[in-house]
N, C-alpha and C. Protein backbone atom coordinates (compact mmCIF):
# COMPACT_ATOMS: atom_id res chain seq x y z
N ASN A 1 30.69 43.11 -90.87
CA ASN A 1 30.84 42.14 -91.82
C ASN A 1 30.02 42.37 -92.98
N ASP A 2 28.78 42.63 -92.86
CA ASP A 2 27.86 43.08 -94.04
C ASP A 2 28.68 44.19 -94.91
N VAL A 3 29.16 45.19 -94.35
CA VAL A 3 29.71 46.15 -95.24
C VAL A 3 31.02 45.82 -95.93
N VAL A 4 31.76 44.99 -95.23
CA VAL A 4 33.01 44.41 -95.92
C VAL A 4 32.38 43.40 -97.02
N GLU A 5 31.51 42.62 -96.75
CA GLU A 5 31.23 41.60 -97.96
C GLU A 5 30.67 42.59 -99.17
N ARG A 6 29.64 43.77 -98.81
CA ARG A 6 29.19 44.33 -99.88
C ARG A 6 30.21 45.14 -100.47
N TYR A 7 31.15 45.71 -100.00
CA TYR A 7 32.18 46.70 -100.64
C TYR A 7 33.22 45.75 -101.23
N HIS A 8 33.57 44.50 -100.85
CA HIS A 8 34.41 43.52 -101.36
C HIS A 8 33.98 43.38 -102.85
N TRP A 9 32.68 43.18 -103.14
CA TRP A 9 32.43 43.08 -104.50
C TRP A 9 32.41 44.33 -105.42
N VAL A 10 32.31 45.54 -104.68
CA VAL A 10 32.46 46.77 -105.28
C VAL A 10 33.80 46.90 -105.86
N ILE A 11 34.79 46.71 -104.78
CA ILE A 11 36.17 46.89 -104.98
C ILE A 11 36.67 45.85 -106.01
N MET A 12 36.16 44.63 -106.07
CA MET A 12 36.66 43.63 -107.12
C MET A 12 36.00 44.19 -108.48
N GLY A 13 34.83 44.66 -108.38
CA GLY A 13 34.34 45.28 -109.81
C GLY A 13 35.01 46.28 -110.32
N MET A 14 35.54 47.39 -109.51
CA MET A 14 36.42 48.41 -109.95
C MET A 14 37.72 47.87 -110.30
N VAL A 15 38.36 46.84 -109.84
CA VAL A 15 39.67 46.42 -110.18
C VAL A 15 39.53 45.65 -111.38
N ASN A 16 38.31 44.79 -111.59
CA ASN A 16 38.32 44.16 -112.91
C ASN A 16 38.07 45.22 -114.12
N GLY A 17 37.27 46.34 -113.80
CA GLY A 17 37.10 47.32 -114.57
C GLY A 17 38.41 48.07 -115.24
N ALA A 18 39.08 48.20 -114.19
CA ALA A 18 40.44 48.94 -114.47
C ALA A 18 41.30 47.95 -115.21
N VAL A 19 41.39 46.78 -114.94
CA VAL A 19 42.15 45.68 -115.52
C VAL A 19 41.57 45.39 -117.02
N LEU A 20 40.40 45.50 -117.21
CA LEU A 20 39.58 45.34 -118.28
C LEU A 20 40.15 46.64 -119.51
N ILE A 21 40.11 47.82 -119.01
CA ILE A 21 40.45 48.93 -119.77
C ILE A 21 41.85 48.99 -120.00
N ILE A 22 42.70 48.81 -119.07
CA ILE A 22 44.16 49.01 -119.46
C ILE A 22 44.66 47.73 -120.40
N SER A 23 44.02 46.62 -120.09
CA SER A 23 44.41 45.38 -120.74
C SER A 23 43.96 45.62 -122.14
N ALA A 24 42.78 45.95 -122.59
CA ALA A 24 42.05 46.28 -123.70
C ALA A 24 42.98 47.17 -124.54
N PHE A 25 43.43 48.31 -123.88
CA PHE A 25 44.22 49.29 -124.46
C PHE A 25 45.57 48.82 -124.97
N ALA A 26 46.19 48.11 -123.91
CA ALA A 26 47.70 47.59 -124.19
C ALA A 26 47.65 46.66 -125.34
N TYR A 27 46.78 45.56 -125.35
CA TYR A 27 46.62 44.61 -126.37
C TYR A 27 45.87 44.94 -127.50
N ARG A 28 45.18 46.06 -127.58
CA ARG A 28 44.10 46.68 -128.57
C ARG A 28 43.11 45.55 -128.82
N SER A 29 42.48 44.93 -127.73
CA SER A 29 41.55 44.06 -127.93
C SER A 29 40.97 43.71 -126.60
N PHE A 30 39.59 43.77 -126.70
CA PHE A 30 38.84 43.53 -125.49
C PHE A 30 38.91 41.70 -125.26
N VAL A 31 39.13 41.03 -126.41
CA VAL A 31 39.29 39.54 -126.22
C VAL A 31 40.55 39.37 -125.14
N ALA A 32 41.71 39.99 -125.62
CA ALA A 32 42.83 39.71 -124.61
C ALA A 32 42.45 40.19 -123.21
N ALA A 33 41.81 41.29 -122.89
CA ALA A 33 41.32 41.49 -121.49
C ALA A 33 40.50 40.53 -120.90
N PHE A 34 39.51 39.94 -121.57
CA PHE A 34 38.95 38.76 -121.04
C PHE A 34 39.53 37.54 -120.90
N ILE A 35 40.52 37.06 -121.76
CA ILE A 35 41.43 36.10 -121.53
C ILE A 35 42.20 36.31 -120.31
N LEU A 36 42.71 37.44 -120.04
CA LEU A 36 43.42 37.74 -118.86
C LEU A 36 42.44 37.78 -117.50
N LEU A 37 41.21 38.15 -117.68
CA LEU A 37 40.47 38.29 -116.55
C LEU A 37 39.82 36.72 -116.04
N ILE A 38 39.66 36.14 -117.13
CA ILE A 38 39.08 34.78 -116.70
C ILE A 38 39.83 33.97 -115.68
N PRO A 39 41.26 33.66 -115.96
CA PRO A 39 42.03 32.82 -114.82
C PRO A 39 41.99 33.85 -113.34
N VAL A 40 42.02 35.05 -113.58
CA VAL A 40 42.04 35.73 -112.45
C VAL A 40 40.85 35.72 -111.53
N ASN A 41 39.62 35.72 -112.26
CA ASN A 41 38.35 35.62 -111.53
C ASN A 41 38.13 34.20 -110.96
N LEU A 42 38.67 33.13 -111.84
CA LEU A 42 38.58 31.81 -111.46
C LEU A 42 39.30 31.70 -110.01
N SER A 43 40.31 32.44 -110.00
CA SER A 43 41.42 32.21 -108.87
C SER A 43 40.74 32.87 -107.66
N ASN A 44 39.91 33.99 -107.92
CA ASN A 44 39.33 34.63 -106.86
C ASN A 44 38.14 33.78 -106.07
N LEU A 45 37.43 33.07 -107.12
CA LEU A 45 36.49 32.11 -106.63
C LEU A 45 37.17 30.92 -105.72
N LEU A 46 38.28 30.41 -106.27
CA LEU A 46 39.13 29.38 -105.38
C LEU A 46 39.36 29.90 -104.30
N LEU A 47 39.91 31.16 -104.14
CA LEU A 47 40.28 31.78 -103.03
C LEU A 47 39.12 31.79 -102.00
N GLY A 48 38.06 32.16 -102.44
CA GLY A 48 36.78 32.31 -101.44
C GLY A 48 36.61 30.90 -101.02
N ALA A 49 36.88 29.94 -101.91
CA ALA A 49 36.44 28.58 -101.44
C ALA A 49 37.56 28.29 -100.38
N CYS A 50 38.87 28.60 -100.52
CA CYS A 50 40.08 28.27 -99.45
C CYS A 50 39.58 29.03 -98.19
N ILE A 51 39.22 30.39 -98.35
CA ILE A 51 38.84 30.98 -97.18
C ILE A 51 37.55 30.30 -96.25
N TYR A 52 36.69 29.76 -96.95
CA TYR A 52 35.65 28.94 -96.27
C TYR A 52 36.13 27.73 -95.63
N LEU A 53 36.85 26.94 -96.47
CA LEU A 53 37.52 25.85 -96.05
C LEU A 53 38.43 25.81 -94.76
N LEU A 54 39.12 26.80 -94.83
CA LEU A 54 40.02 27.25 -93.68
C LEU A 54 39.51 27.64 -92.68
N GLY A 55 38.23 28.21 -92.63
CA GLY A 55 37.63 28.71 -91.49
C GLY A 55 37.98 30.12 -91.15
N ILE A 56 38.59 30.82 -92.25
CA ILE A 56 38.91 32.27 -92.03
C ILE A 56 37.64 33.18 -92.75
N GLY A 57 37.30 34.05 -91.61
CA GLY A 57 36.27 34.98 -92.15
C GLY A 57 36.55 35.92 -93.10
N LEU A 58 35.70 36.31 -94.05
CA LEU A 58 35.94 37.40 -94.92
C LEU A 58 35.61 38.67 -94.29
N ASP A 59 36.91 39.25 -93.86
CA ASP A 59 37.01 40.58 -93.25
C ASP A 59 37.90 41.57 -94.08
N ILE A 60 38.19 42.50 -93.63
CA ILE A 60 38.93 43.56 -94.38
C ILE A 60 40.28 42.94 -94.84
N ASN A 61 40.92 42.05 -94.07
CA ASN A 61 42.12 41.52 -94.34
C ASN A 61 42.02 40.69 -95.41
N ALA A 62 41.12 39.79 -95.40
CA ALA A 62 40.89 38.80 -96.62
C ALA A 62 40.76 39.44 -97.83
N GLY A 63 39.81 40.69 -97.74
CA GLY A 63 39.54 41.52 -98.88
C GLY A 63 40.73 42.14 -99.57
N ILE A 64 41.63 42.39 -98.88
CA ILE A 64 42.85 43.04 -99.25
C ILE A 64 43.73 41.85 -99.93
N VAL A 65 43.74 40.83 -99.49
CA VAL A 65 44.53 39.57 -100.05
C VAL A 65 43.75 39.16 -101.44
N ALA A 66 42.42 39.37 -101.60
CA ALA A 66 41.79 38.99 -102.71
C ALA A 66 42.19 40.05 -103.84
N VAL A 67 42.19 41.32 -103.50
CA VAL A 67 42.67 42.30 -104.50
C VAL A 67 44.10 42.11 -104.71
N ILE A 68 45.00 41.85 -103.88
CA ILE A 68 46.51 41.34 -104.12
C ILE A 68 46.39 40.33 -105.12
N GLY A 69 45.56 39.47 -104.94
CA GLY A 69 45.52 38.20 -105.85
C GLY A 69 45.21 38.45 -107.33
N VAL A 70 44.37 39.56 -107.47
CA VAL A 70 44.02 39.97 -108.79
C VAL A 70 45.34 40.50 -109.44
N GLY A 71 46.12 41.39 -108.38
CA GLY A 71 47.28 41.85 -109.06
C GLY A 71 48.51 40.81 -109.46
N VAL A 72 48.35 39.89 -108.68
CA VAL A 72 49.49 38.88 -108.92
C VAL A 72 49.10 38.13 -110.00
N GLY A 73 47.82 37.67 -110.08
CA GLY A 73 47.42 36.95 -111.35
C GLY A 73 47.39 37.65 -112.67
N ILE A 74 47.13 38.88 -112.46
CA ILE A 74 47.04 39.60 -113.73
C ILE A 74 48.66 39.86 -114.26
N ASP A 75 49.46 40.06 -113.37
CA ASP A 75 50.85 40.15 -113.55
C ASP A 75 51.39 38.71 -114.38
N TYR A 76 51.08 37.53 -113.64
CA TYR A 76 51.51 36.46 -114.36
C TYR A 76 50.97 36.32 -115.79
N GLY A 77 49.63 36.68 -115.90
CA GLY A 77 48.80 36.77 -117.20
C GLY A 77 49.42 37.38 -118.30
N ILE A 78 49.77 38.61 -117.86
CA ILE A 78 50.52 39.52 -118.86
C ILE A 78 51.67 39.19 -119.43
N TYR A 79 52.52 38.65 -118.38
CA TYR A 79 53.94 38.08 -118.73
C TYR A 79 53.62 36.91 -119.61
N LEU A 80 52.84 35.87 -119.51
CA LEU A 80 52.61 34.70 -120.52
C LEU A 80 51.86 35.17 -121.66
N LEU A 81 50.77 36.02 -121.66
CA LEU A 81 50.18 36.35 -122.86
C LEU A 81 51.30 37.24 -123.78
N SER A 82 51.77 38.19 -123.28
CA SER A 82 52.61 38.88 -123.86
C SER A 82 53.97 37.76 -124.76
N ARG A 83 54.36 36.96 -123.93
CA ARG A 83 55.22 36.03 -124.63
C ARG A 83 54.65 35.31 -125.71
N ILE A 84 53.30 34.89 -125.54
CA ILE A 84 52.75 34.19 -126.36
C ILE A 84 52.60 34.95 -127.80
N CYS A 85 52.20 36.20 -127.52
CA CYS A 85 52.17 36.96 -128.72
C CYS A 85 53.41 37.27 -129.55
N GLU A 86 54.60 37.47 -128.70
CA GLU A 86 55.85 37.49 -129.49
C GLU A 86 56.13 36.28 -130.06
N GLU A 87 56.04 35.11 -129.47
CA GLU A 87 56.43 33.68 -130.05
C GLU A 87 55.41 33.52 -131.17
N TYR A 88 54.20 33.94 -131.20
CA TYR A 88 53.40 33.84 -132.32
C TYR A 88 53.88 34.29 -133.68
N THR A 89 54.43 35.64 -133.62
CA THR A 89 55.12 36.05 -134.75
C THR A 89 56.35 35.28 -135.01
N VAL A 90 57.30 34.97 -134.15
CA VAL A 90 58.55 34.22 -134.43
C VAL A 90 58.26 32.78 -134.85
N GLN A 91 57.31 32.07 -134.37
CA GLN A 91 56.79 30.71 -134.65
C GLN A 91 55.85 30.68 -136.03
N GLU A 92 55.99 31.82 -136.71
CA GLU A 92 55.22 31.90 -138.11
C GLU A 92 53.75 31.67 -137.81
N HIS A 93 53.19 32.11 -136.79
CA HIS A 93 51.59 31.93 -136.60
C HIS A 93 51.31 30.57 -136.29
N ASP A 94 52.05 29.72 -135.81
CA ASP A 94 51.79 28.57 -135.20
C ASP A 94 51.43 28.63 -133.76
N ILE A 95 50.09 28.50 -133.42
CA ILE A 95 49.73 28.74 -132.19
C ILE A 95 50.23 27.79 -131.00
N LYS A 96 50.31 26.65 -131.45
CA LYS A 96 50.83 25.38 -130.65
C LYS A 96 52.27 25.55 -130.32
N ARG A 97 53.23 26.02 -131.31
CA ARG A 97 54.51 26.15 -130.98
C ARG A 97 54.79 27.51 -130.23
N ALA A 98 53.86 28.41 -130.36
CA ALA A 98 54.01 29.73 -129.66
C ALA A 98 53.78 29.54 -128.15
N ILE A 99 52.49 28.74 -127.98
CA ILE A 99 52.30 28.58 -126.57
C ILE A 99 53.36 27.61 -125.93
N TYR A 100 53.84 26.72 -126.45
CA TYR A 100 54.89 25.74 -126.05
C TYR A 100 56.21 26.67 -125.77
N ALA A 101 56.56 27.33 -126.52
CA ALA A 101 57.61 28.27 -126.38
C ALA A 101 57.43 29.24 -125.07
N ALA A 102 56.25 29.67 -125.30
CA ALA A 102 55.94 30.86 -123.96
C ALA A 102 56.08 30.05 -122.74
N LEU A 103 55.41 28.84 -122.61
CA LEU A 103 55.27 28.35 -121.47
C LEU A 103 56.81 27.56 -120.89
N THR A 104 57.77 27.27 -122.02
CA THR A 104 58.91 26.79 -121.56
C THR A 104 59.84 27.90 -121.24
N THR A 105 59.64 29.01 -121.52
CA THR A 105 60.50 30.05 -121.10
C THR A 105 59.85 30.98 -119.98
N THR A 106 58.87 31.78 -120.42
CA THR A 106 58.14 32.50 -119.35
C THR A 106 57.43 31.89 -118.30
N GLY A 107 56.89 30.67 -118.71
CA GLY A 107 56.19 29.85 -117.85
C GLY A 107 57.20 29.45 -116.75
N LYS A 108 58.39 29.05 -117.25
CA LYS A 108 59.33 28.68 -115.93
C LYS A 108 59.57 29.72 -115.14
N ALA A 109 59.81 30.88 -115.57
CA ALA A 109 60.18 32.16 -114.90
C ALA A 109 58.89 32.34 -113.88
N ILE A 110 57.64 32.40 -114.36
CA ILE A 110 56.49 32.54 -113.39
C ILE A 110 56.56 31.56 -112.24
N MET A 111 56.75 30.19 -112.74
CA MET A 111 56.62 29.16 -111.71
C MET A 111 58.09 29.52 -110.75
N PHE A 112 59.04 29.99 -111.10
CA PHE A 112 60.42 30.23 -110.36
C PHE A 112 59.94 31.15 -109.47
N THR A 113 59.29 32.18 -109.82
CA THR A 113 59.17 33.58 -109.18
C THR A 113 57.99 33.13 -108.07
N ALA A 114 57.13 32.45 -108.55
CA ALA A 114 55.90 31.96 -107.46
C ALA A 114 56.49 31.14 -106.27
N THR A 115 57.29 30.41 -106.73
CA THR A 115 57.86 29.42 -105.92
C THR A 115 58.72 30.03 -104.62
N ILE A 116 59.52 31.09 -105.24
CA ILE A 116 60.39 31.81 -104.15
C ILE A 116 59.46 32.80 -103.30
N MET A 117 58.42 33.28 -103.73
CA MET A 117 57.42 33.99 -103.19
C MET A 117 56.63 32.97 -101.92
N LEU A 118 56.49 31.87 -102.42
CA LEU A 118 55.60 31.00 -101.65
C LEU A 118 56.50 30.52 -100.39
N VAL A 119 57.87 30.31 -100.78
CA VAL A 119 58.84 29.61 -99.77
C VAL A 119 59.00 30.82 -98.79
N GLY A 120 59.16 32.11 -99.26
CA GLY A 120 59.24 33.20 -98.33
C GLY A 120 57.98 33.57 -97.45
N ILE A 121 56.83 33.21 -97.88
CA ILE A 121 55.76 33.71 -97.20
C ILE A 121 55.24 32.65 -96.30
N LEU A 122 55.35 31.50 -96.69
CA LEU A 122 54.74 30.23 -95.98
C LEU A 122 55.19 30.25 -94.51
N PRO A 123 56.34 30.44 -94.11
CA PRO A 123 56.78 30.61 -92.71
C PRO A 123 55.94 31.33 -91.92
N TRP A 124 55.42 32.57 -92.35
CA TRP A 124 54.51 33.26 -91.59
C TRP A 124 53.22 32.32 -90.86
N HIS A 125 52.77 31.63 -91.60
CA HIS A 125 51.77 30.85 -91.05
C HIS A 125 52.15 29.76 -89.95
N PHE A 126 53.24 29.25 -90.07
CA PHE A 126 53.87 28.39 -88.79
C PHE A 126 54.35 28.89 -87.79
N MET A 127 55.04 30.03 -88.03
CA MET A 127 56.02 30.82 -87.19
C MET A 127 55.25 31.89 -86.30
N SER A 128 54.34 32.51 -86.93
CA SER A 128 53.60 33.57 -86.10
C SER A 128 52.48 33.12 -85.29
N ASP A 129 52.90 33.92 -83.92
CA ASP A 129 51.77 33.66 -82.71
C ASP A 129 50.59 34.57 -82.96
N LEU A 130 50.77 35.51 -83.88
CA LEU A 130 49.43 36.33 -84.18
C LEU A 130 48.61 35.42 -85.21
N LYS A 131 47.35 35.45 -84.81
CA LYS A 131 46.37 34.72 -85.76
C LYS A 131 46.27 35.54 -87.10
N PHE A 132 46.25 36.78 -87.16
CA PHE A 132 46.07 37.73 -88.33
C PHE A 132 47.24 37.11 -89.11
N MET A 133 48.57 37.17 -88.79
CA MET A 133 49.69 36.86 -89.58
C MET A 133 49.53 35.50 -89.99
N ALA A 134 49.28 34.52 -89.23
CA ALA A 134 49.12 33.23 -89.78
C ALA A 134 48.19 33.06 -90.80
N ASP A 135 47.01 33.71 -90.59
CA ASP A 135 46.07 33.65 -91.59
C ASP A 135 46.43 34.23 -92.97
N MET A 136 46.91 35.43 -92.59
CA MET A 136 47.24 36.21 -93.93
C MET A 136 48.36 35.43 -94.73
N GLY A 137 49.38 34.96 -94.01
CA GLY A 137 50.56 34.16 -94.57
C GLY A 137 49.90 32.93 -95.29
N LEU A 138 48.89 32.18 -94.75
CA LEU A 138 48.13 31.12 -95.38
C LEU A 138 47.48 31.57 -96.48
N LEU A 139 46.51 32.74 -96.69
CA LEU A 139 45.92 33.23 -97.81
C LEU A 139 47.00 33.61 -98.92
N LEU A 140 47.91 34.41 -98.49
CA LEU A 140 48.70 34.75 -99.53
C LEU A 140 49.44 33.65 -100.30
N VAL A 141 49.89 32.73 -99.52
CA VAL A 141 50.41 31.44 -100.29
C VAL A 141 49.26 30.90 -101.13
N ALA A 142 47.96 30.73 -100.70
CA ALA A 142 46.93 30.11 -101.53
C ALA A 142 46.82 30.95 -102.81
N VAL A 143 46.64 32.23 -102.53
CA VAL A 143 46.28 33.05 -103.80
C VAL A 143 47.34 32.79 -104.69
N MET A 144 48.60 32.96 -104.38
CA MET A 144 49.86 32.78 -105.24
C MET A 144 49.89 31.57 -106.00
N LEU A 145 49.61 30.50 -105.27
CA LEU A 145 49.56 29.29 -105.93
C LEU A 145 48.62 28.85 -106.69
N ILE A 146 47.30 29.46 -106.54
CA ILE A 146 46.18 29.37 -107.38
C ILE A 146 46.41 30.17 -108.61
N ASN A 147 47.06 31.26 -108.41
CA ASN A 147 47.15 32.30 -109.76
C ASN A 147 48.31 31.69 -110.53
N MET A 148 49.22 31.04 -109.93
CA MET A 148 50.42 30.52 -110.80
C MET A 148 49.69 29.19 -111.55
N VAL A 149 49.07 28.51 -111.06
CA VAL A 149 48.56 27.28 -111.77
C VAL A 149 47.50 27.71 -112.82
N LEU A 150 46.67 28.73 -112.42
CA LEU A 150 45.70 29.05 -113.23
C LEU A 150 46.25 29.85 -114.59
N SER A 151 47.17 30.57 -114.33
CA SER A 151 47.90 31.45 -115.30
C SER A 151 48.71 30.39 -116.35
N LEU A 152 49.29 29.31 -115.73
CA LEU A 152 50.05 28.36 -116.74
C LEU A 152 49.15 27.39 -117.18
N VAL A 153 47.90 27.14 -116.80
CA VAL A 153 46.99 26.20 -117.41
C VAL A 153 45.98 26.86 -118.19
N VAL A 154 44.97 27.57 -117.58
CA VAL A 154 44.06 28.08 -118.12
C VAL A 154 44.22 29.10 -119.35
N LEU A 155 45.01 30.15 -118.82
CA LEU A 155 45.30 31.19 -120.00
C LEU A 155 45.84 30.49 -121.29
N PRO A 156 46.90 29.58 -121.28
CA PRO A 156 47.08 28.90 -122.52
C PRO A 156 45.96 28.36 -123.29
N MET A 157 45.33 27.66 -122.31
CA MET A 157 43.90 26.95 -122.98
C MET A 157 43.10 27.79 -123.55
N LEU A 158 42.82 28.98 -122.98
CA LEU A 158 41.90 29.83 -123.60
C LEU A 158 42.46 30.43 -124.80
N VAL A 159 43.73 30.84 -124.95
CA VAL A 159 44.43 31.16 -126.18
C VAL A 159 44.31 30.16 -127.18
N TRP A 160 44.48 28.90 -126.86
CA TRP A 160 44.40 27.94 -127.76
C TRP A 160 43.24 27.59 -128.30
N PHE A 161 41.98 27.54 -127.48
CA PHE A 161 40.58 27.44 -127.97
C PHE A 161 40.08 28.77 -128.78
N ILE A 162 40.24 29.91 -128.29
CA ILE A 162 40.02 31.07 -128.94
C ILE A 162 40.61 31.33 -130.14
N LYS A 163 41.90 31.34 -130.10
CA LYS A 163 42.62 31.65 -131.43
C LYS A 163 42.54 33.05 -131.55
N PRO A 164 42.80 34.07 -130.73
CA PRO A 164 42.44 35.45 -131.11
C PRO A 164 43.32 36.13 -132.04
N SER A 165 42.68 37.06 -132.79
CA SER A 165 43.39 37.61 -133.77
C SER A 165 44.56 38.61 -133.34
N PHE A 166 44.33 39.11 -132.08
CA PHE A 166 45.29 40.24 -131.61
C PHE A 166 46.75 39.67 -131.49
N LEU A 167 47.04 38.16 -131.50
CA LEU A 167 48.24 37.68 -131.50
C LEU A 167 49.18 38.18 -132.56
N ALA A 168 48.52 38.29 -133.64
CA ALA A 168 49.52 38.97 -134.81
C ALA A 168 49.44 40.34 -134.92
N ARG A 169 49.01 41.13 -134.10
CA ARG A 169 49.14 42.43 -134.17
C ARG A 169 50.52 42.93 -133.86
N GLU A 170 51.06 43.97 -134.45
CA GLU A 170 52.37 44.53 -134.42
C GLU A 170 52.46 45.84 -133.41
N ASP A 171 51.13 46.31 -133.16
CA ASP A 171 51.09 47.50 -132.49
C ASP A 171 50.71 47.34 -131.00
N LEU A 172 51.01 46.26 -130.33
CA LEU A 172 50.84 45.99 -128.98
C LEU A 172 51.81 46.93 -128.22
N ILE A 173 51.09 47.35 -126.97
CA ILE A 173 51.98 48.19 -126.12
C ILE A 173 52.79 47.34 -125.16
N VAL A 174 52.47 46.04 -125.04
CA VAL A 174 53.28 45.15 -124.22
C VAL A 174 54.18 44.31 -124.98
N GLY A 175 55.37 43.82 -124.62
CA GLY A 175 56.21 42.92 -125.24
C GLY A 175 57.50 43.56 -125.74
N GLN A 176 58.28 42.78 -126.26
CA GLN A 176 59.60 43.25 -126.54
C GLN A 176 59.76 44.21 -127.81
N ALA A 177 58.60 44.23 -128.64
CA ALA A 177 58.59 44.96 -129.74
C ALA A 177 58.09 46.41 -129.61
N VAL A 178 58.03 46.92 -128.26
CA VAL A 178 57.49 48.14 -127.92
C VAL A 178 58.46 49.34 -128.51
N ASP A 179 57.84 50.13 -129.23
CA ASP A 179 58.80 51.15 -129.87
C ASP A 179 58.30 52.47 -129.20
N ILE A 180 59.09 52.98 -128.48
CA ILE A 180 58.60 54.17 -127.58
C ILE A 180 57.95 55.43 -128.42
N PRO A 181 58.52 55.79 -129.60
CA PRO A 181 58.10 56.71 -130.41
C PRO A 181 56.64 56.42 -130.86
N LYS A 182 56.45 55.05 -131.39
CA LYS A 182 55.13 54.52 -131.78
C LYS A 182 54.09 54.55 -130.63
N LEU A 183 54.73 54.37 -129.31
CA LEU A 183 53.78 54.25 -128.06
C LEU A 183 53.38 55.68 -127.86
N ALA A 184 54.14 56.68 -127.92
CA ALA A 184 53.90 58.13 -127.77
C ALA A 184 52.93 58.53 -129.05
N ARG A 185 52.97 58.09 -130.17
CA ARG A 185 52.05 58.58 -131.16
C ARG A 185 50.53 57.72 -130.78
N ALA A 186 50.51 56.60 -130.38
CA ALA A 186 49.43 55.75 -130.08
C ALA A 186 48.50 56.57 -128.92
N LEU A 187 49.59 57.10 -128.01
CA LEU A 187 48.81 57.70 -126.85
C LEU A 187 48.35 59.08 -127.14
N ASP A 188 49.14 59.71 -128.15
CA ASP A 188 48.35 60.99 -128.63
C ASP A 188 47.12 60.90 -129.48
N GLU A 189 47.08 59.75 -130.14
CA GLU A 189 45.88 59.44 -130.99
C GLU A 189 44.91 59.01 -130.08
N SER A 190 44.86 58.47 -128.85
CA SER A 190 43.96 57.99 -127.91
C SER A 190 42.94 59.24 -127.42
C-alpha cells in the first residue's frame, strides 16, 4: 500500500508534466496548459475524496482509474478550450459570447458523451458479483461525472477571469483552423 501511494503521486506528476508540455505546445501558451490542468487536478482531489467516502482503498486499480480520469478530463477540456478559441475569433473577440457559444455546442456534446459513458458503466456497480468490478464501475462513473462538471464549469470560469491572450492566436495546433503544411513547418521549427 505504501508503494502504491508513493508511486501514485509520481505517476500523477509525470502525467501532469506530459499534459503541461503537450498542451503548452499545442496552444502556444503555458497559461492554456494551466487552465486545462486546474479542473483535471481538482477532479483528482474530488476523486480521492470519493474513494475515501465510498470506503475504497487506494490500490493499484484505483490509481489506474485516477490516471484514466486525467485522460478523460483533459479530453473534455481540450474540446471545450479549442472551441472557445475558435468562437473567440468568430465572435469578434467577445469572450462572453465565445464561452456561451462553446458551451451551447461543444459543451452539449461533452455532456451527451459523458452521459452515454455513465449509463454504460454504471451497471457494472450494480450487476457485478466481483467487488473489484463493482468498485471500478463506481469509480469510473464518479471520475467521468466529476470531470464533466468541472470541465463545463471551472474551465470556462478560468477563461473568463484570466482572459488569456492565446485565445486570439491563429497558429494553434488544435481546432478547426489547423493547416497541415503550417503544422509541419511549426514542428520543423521546434
